[in-house]
Amino acid sequence: MSGYLTTHVLDTARGCPAQGMKIELYKINGADRVFLKSVTTNDDGRTDAQILPAAEFETGVYELVFHAGDYLDRTYLDGTGTPPEDPRFLDVIPIRFGMSEASHYHVPLLVSPFSYSTYRGS
């Protein structure tokens, strides 16, 4: 089996997928943090393609950076979210994780204006 990486973002405060959230992917090489790509979630809170497809997969340490503050600000402006604070309690959420074998890694984010959680999904 070839390895690949996916993600999914759910807005737990509003009970829906987090549409339009920017996510950046970095590879961690010792003290270096190398930018790989930027993607945006679709209507289902997922990316349109694997965030790291099999052809680009390597084991190692990675970081997904979720731009939750921008997303939360937009939900407030459309009348469905929580008023923003200055500064927001949650803004940019980095999740650093390791991929040690060539398999499917799914790193979802459950987010609200005041909390978040993640896990290794399937």
C-alpha atoms as a PDB file:
ATOM      1  CA  MET A   1       0.000   0.000   0.000  1.00  0.00           C
ATOM      2  CA  SER A   2       1.232   3.466  -0.837  1.00  0.00           C
ATOM      3  CA  GLY A   3       1.079   6.203   1.763  1.00  0.00           C
ATOM      4  CA  TYR A   4      -0.982   9.361   1.481  1.00  0.00           C
ATOM      5  CA  LEU A   5      -2.369  12.122   3.689  1.00  0.00           C
ATOM      6  CA  THR A   6      -5.900  13.519   3.989  1.00  0.00           C
ATOM      7  CA  THR A   7      -7.666  15.907   6.337  1.00  0.00           C
ATOM      8  CA  HIS A   8     -11.197  16.997   7.187  1.00  0.00           C
ATOM      9  CA  VAL A   9     -12.317  20.039   9.189  1.00  0.00           C
ATOM     10  CA  LEU A  10     -15.572  20.139  11.131  1.00  0.00           C
ATOM     11  CA  ASP A  11     -16.992  23.221  12.832  1.00  0.00           C
ATOM     12  CA  THR A  12     -18.309  21.719  16.070  1.00  0.00           C
ATOM     13  CA  ALA A  13     -19.915  24.975  17.253  1.00  0.00           C
ATOM     14  CA  ARG A  14     -22.079  25.274  14.150  1.00  0.00           C
ATOM     15  CA  GLY A  15     -22.422  21.528  13.510  1.00  0.00           C
ATOM     16  CA  CYS A  16     -21.204  21.594   9.920  1.00  0.00           C
ATOM     17  CA  PRO A  17     -18.135  21.153   7.718  1.00  0.00           C
ATOM     18  CA  ALA A  18     -15.682  24.065   7.823  1.00  0.00           C
ATOM     19  CA  GLN A  19     -15.893  25.281   4.236  1.00  0.00           C
ATOM     20  CA  GLY A  20     -13.193  27.589   2.880  1.00  0.00           C
ATOM     21  CA  MET A  21     -10.514  27.083   5.546  1.00  0.00           C
ATOM     22  CA  LYS A  22      -6.947  27.569   4.345  1.00  0.00           C
ATOM     23  CA  ILE A  23      -4.525  24.775   5.311  1.00  0.00           C
ATOM     24  CA  GLU A  24      -0.772  24.732   4.781  1.00  0.00           C
ATOM     25  CA  LEU A  25       1.414  21.621   4.772  1.00  0.00           C
ATOM     26  CA  TYR A  26       5.041  21.653   5.920  1.00  0.00           C
ATOM     27  CA  LYS A  27       7.709  18.948   6.099  1.00  0.00           C
ATOM     28  CA  ILE A  28       9.887  19.129   9.218  1.00  0.00           C
ATOM     29  CA  ASN A  29      13.555  18.298   8.618  1.00  0.00           C
ATOM     30  CA  GLY A  30      15.377  18.721  11.923  1.00  0.00           C
ATOM     31  CA  ALA A  31      15.252  22.450  12.655  1.00  0.00           C
ATOM     32  CA  ASP A  32      14.020  23.257   9.135  1.00  0.00           C
ATOM     33  CA  ARG A  33      10.335  23.720   8.316  1.00  0.00           C
ATOM     34  CA  VAL A  34       9.818  23.345   4.558  1.00  0.00           C
ATOM     35  CA  PHE A  35       6.593  24.639   2.987  1.00  0.00           C
ATOM     36  CA  LEU A  36       5.028  22.057   0.640  1.00  0.00           C
ATOM     37  CA  LYS A  37       1.622  23.433  -0.334  1.00  0.00           C
ATOM     38  CA  SER A  38      -1.484  25.380   0.558  1.00  0.00           C
ATOM     39  CA  VAL A  39      -5.029  24.085   0.060  1.00  0.00           C
ATOM     40  CA  THR A  40      -8.550  25.180   0.974  1.00  0.00           C
ATOM     41  CA  THR A  41     -11.406  23.038   2.274  1.00  0.00           C
ATOM     42  CA  ASN A  42     -14.424  22.448   0.061  1.00  0.00           C
ATOM     43  CA  ASP A  43     -18.165  22.368   0.905  1.00  0.00           C
ATOM     44  CA  ASP A  44     -17.640  19.111   2.815  1.00  0.00           C
ATOM     45  CA  GLY A  45     -14.717  20.466   4.893  1.00  0.00           C
ATOM     46  CA  ARG A  46     -12.301  18.267   2.945  1.00  0.00           C
ATOM     47  CA  THR A  47      -9.693  19.062   0.335  1.00  0.00           C
ATOM     48  CA  ASP A  48     -10.545  18.291  -3.281  1.00  0.00           C
ATOM     49  CA  ALA A  49      -7.537  15.969  -3.548  1.00  0.00           C
ATOM     50  CA  GLN A  50      -5.268  14.149  -1.106  1.00  0.00           C
ATOM     51  CA  ILE A  51      -3.211  16.791   0.647  1.00  0.00           C
ATOM     52  CA  LEU A  52      -0.132  14.598   0.187  1.00  0.00           C
ATOM     53  CA  PRO A  53      -0.741  12.024  -2.571  1.00  0.00           C
ATOM     54  CA  ALA A  54       1.079   8.698  -2.865  1.00  0.00           C
ATOM     55  CA  ALA A  55       3.424  10.049  -5.568  1.00  0.00           C
ATOM     56  CA  GLU A  56       4.725  12.695  -3.102  1.00  0.00           C
ATOM     57  CA  PHE A  57       4.534  10.670   0.109  1.00  0.00           C
ATOM     58  CA  GLU A  58       7.586  10.204   2.327  1.00  0.00           C
ATOM     59  CA  THR A  59       7.677   9.089   5.927  1.00  0.00           C
ATOM     60  CA  GLY A  60       8.749  11.728   8.405  1.00  0.00           C
ATOM     61  CA  VAL A  61       7.481  14.604  10.505  1.00  0.00           C
ATOM     62  CA  TYR A  62       4.930  16.992   9.028  1.00  0.00           C
ATOM     63  CA  GLU A  63       2.855  19.944  10.150  1.00  0.00           C
ATOM     64  CA  LEU A  64      -0.611  20.976   9.046  1.00  0.00           C
ATOM     65  CA  VAL A  65      -1.374  24.633   9.775  1.00  0.00           C
ATOM     66  CA  PHE A  66      -5.094  25.411   9.901  1.00  0.00           C
ATOM     67  CA  HIS A  67      -6.085  29.079   9.477  1.00  0.00           C
ATOM     68  CA  ALA A  68      -9.062  28.869  11.808  1.00  0.00           C
ATOM     69  CA  GLY A  69      -9.229  32.564  12.722  1.00  0.00           C
ATOM     70  CA  ASP A  70      -9.926  33.680   9.158  1.00  0.00           C
ATOM     71  CA  TYR A  71     -12.600  30.978   8.852  1.00  0.00           C
ATOM     72  CA  LEU A  72     -14.188  31.945  12.185  1.00  0.00           C
ATOM     73  CA  ASP A  73     -14.205  35.629  11.193  1.00  0.00           C
ATOM     74  CA  ARG A  74     -16.077  34.749   7.971  1.00  0.00           C
ATOM     75  CA  THR A  75     -18.696  32.719   9.862  1.00  0.00           C
ATOM     76  CA  TYR A  76     -19.332  35.707  12.102  1.00  0.00           C
ATOM     77  CA  LEU A  77     -19.696  38.022   9.118  1.00  0.00           C
ATOM     78  CA  ASP A  78     -22.252  35.696   7.504  1.00  0.00           C
ATOM     79  CA  GLY A  79     -24.309  35.824  10.708  1.00  0.00           C
ATOM     80  CA  THR A  80     -23.751  32.261  11.915  1.00  0.00           C
ATOM     81  CA  GLY A  81     -20.591  32.455  14.020  1.00  0.00           C
ATOM     82  CA  THR A  82     -19.240  33.857  17.267  1.00  0.00           C
ATOM     83  CA  PRO A  83     -18.151  37.513  17.449  1.00  0.00           C
ATOM     84  CA  PRO A  84     -14.374  37.833  17.075  1.00  0.00           C
ATOM     85  CA  GLU A  85     -12.140  38.890  19.929  1.00  0.00           C
ATOM     86  CA  ASP A  86      -9.048  40.984  19.451  1.00  0.00           C
ATOM     87  CA  PRO A  87      -6.971  38.911  19.339  1.00  0.00           C
ATOM     88  CA  ARG A  88      -8.969  35.767  18.644  1.00  0.00           C
ATOM     89  CA  PHE A  89      -8.495  32.981  21.197  1.00  0.00           C
ATOM     90  CA  LEU A  90      -7.783  30.546  18.329  1.00  0.00           C
ATOM     91  CA  ASP A  91      -6.250  31.850  15.141  1.00  0.00           C
ATOM     92  CA  VAL A  92      -3.634  29.634  13.506  1.00  0.00           C
ATOM     93  CA  ILE A  93      -3.651  25.998  14.664  1.00  0.00           C
ATOM     94  CA  PRO A  94      -0.493  23.976  13.916  1.00  0.00           C
ATOM     95  CA  ILE A  95      -0.641  20.200  14.257  1.00  0.00           C
ATOM     96  CA  ARG A  96       2.731  18.439  14.081  1.00  0.00           C
ATOM     97  CA  PHE A  97       2.659  14.681  13.564  1.00  0.00           C
ATOM     98  CA  GLY A  98       4.775  11.811  12.329  1.00  0.00           C
ATOM     99  CA  MET A  99       4.119   9.360   9.532  1.00  0.00           C
ATOM    100  CA  SER A 100       6.219   6.246  10.088  1.00  0.00           C
ATOM    101  CA  GLU A 101       4.897   3.866   7.449  1.00  0.00           C
ATOM    102  CA  ALA A 102       3.466   3.951   3.947  1.00  0.00           C
ATOM    103  CA  SER A 103      -0.238   3.927   4.767  1.00  0.00           C
ATOM    104  CA  HIS A 104      -3.211   6.276   4.804  1.00  0.00           C
ATOM    105  CA  TYR A 105      -2.890   9.021   7.396  1.00  0.00           C
ATOM    106  CA  HIS A 106      -6.020  11.060   8.069  1.00  0.00           C
ATOM    107  CA  VAL A 107      -5.560  14.052  10.385  1.00  0.00           C
ATOM    108  CA  PRO A 108      -8.940  15.736  10.983  1.00  0.00           C
ATOM    109  CA  LEU A 109      -9.558  18.925  12.922  1.00  0.00           C
ATOM    110  CA  LEU A 110     -12.643  19.535  15.040  1.00  0.00           C
ATOM    111  CA  VAL A 111     -12.797  23.258  15.755  1.00  0.00           C
ATOM    112  CA  SER A 112     -14.908  25.847  17.539  1.00  0.00           C
ATOM    113  CA  PRO A 113     -14.024  29.427  18.534  1.00  0.00           C
ATOM    114  CA  PHE A 114     -12.650  28.244  21.905  1.00  0.00           C
ATOM    115  CA  SER A 115     -11.409  24.675  21.404  1.00  0.00           C
ATOM    116  CA  TYR A 116     -10.070  22.155  18.941  1.00  0.00           C
ATOM    117  CA  SER A 117      -9.129  18.501  18.837  1.00  0.00           C
ATOM    118  CA  THR A 118      -7.577  16.071  16.418  1.00  0.00           C
ATOM    119  CA  TYR A 119      -6.887  12.359  16.136  1.00  0.00           C
ATOM    120  CA  ARG A 120      -5.517   9.847  13.680  1.00  0.00           C
ATOM    121  CA  GLY A 121      -8.559   8.984  11.627  1.00  0.00           C
ATOM    122  CA  SER A 122      -9.176   6.395   8.962  1.00  0.00           C
END
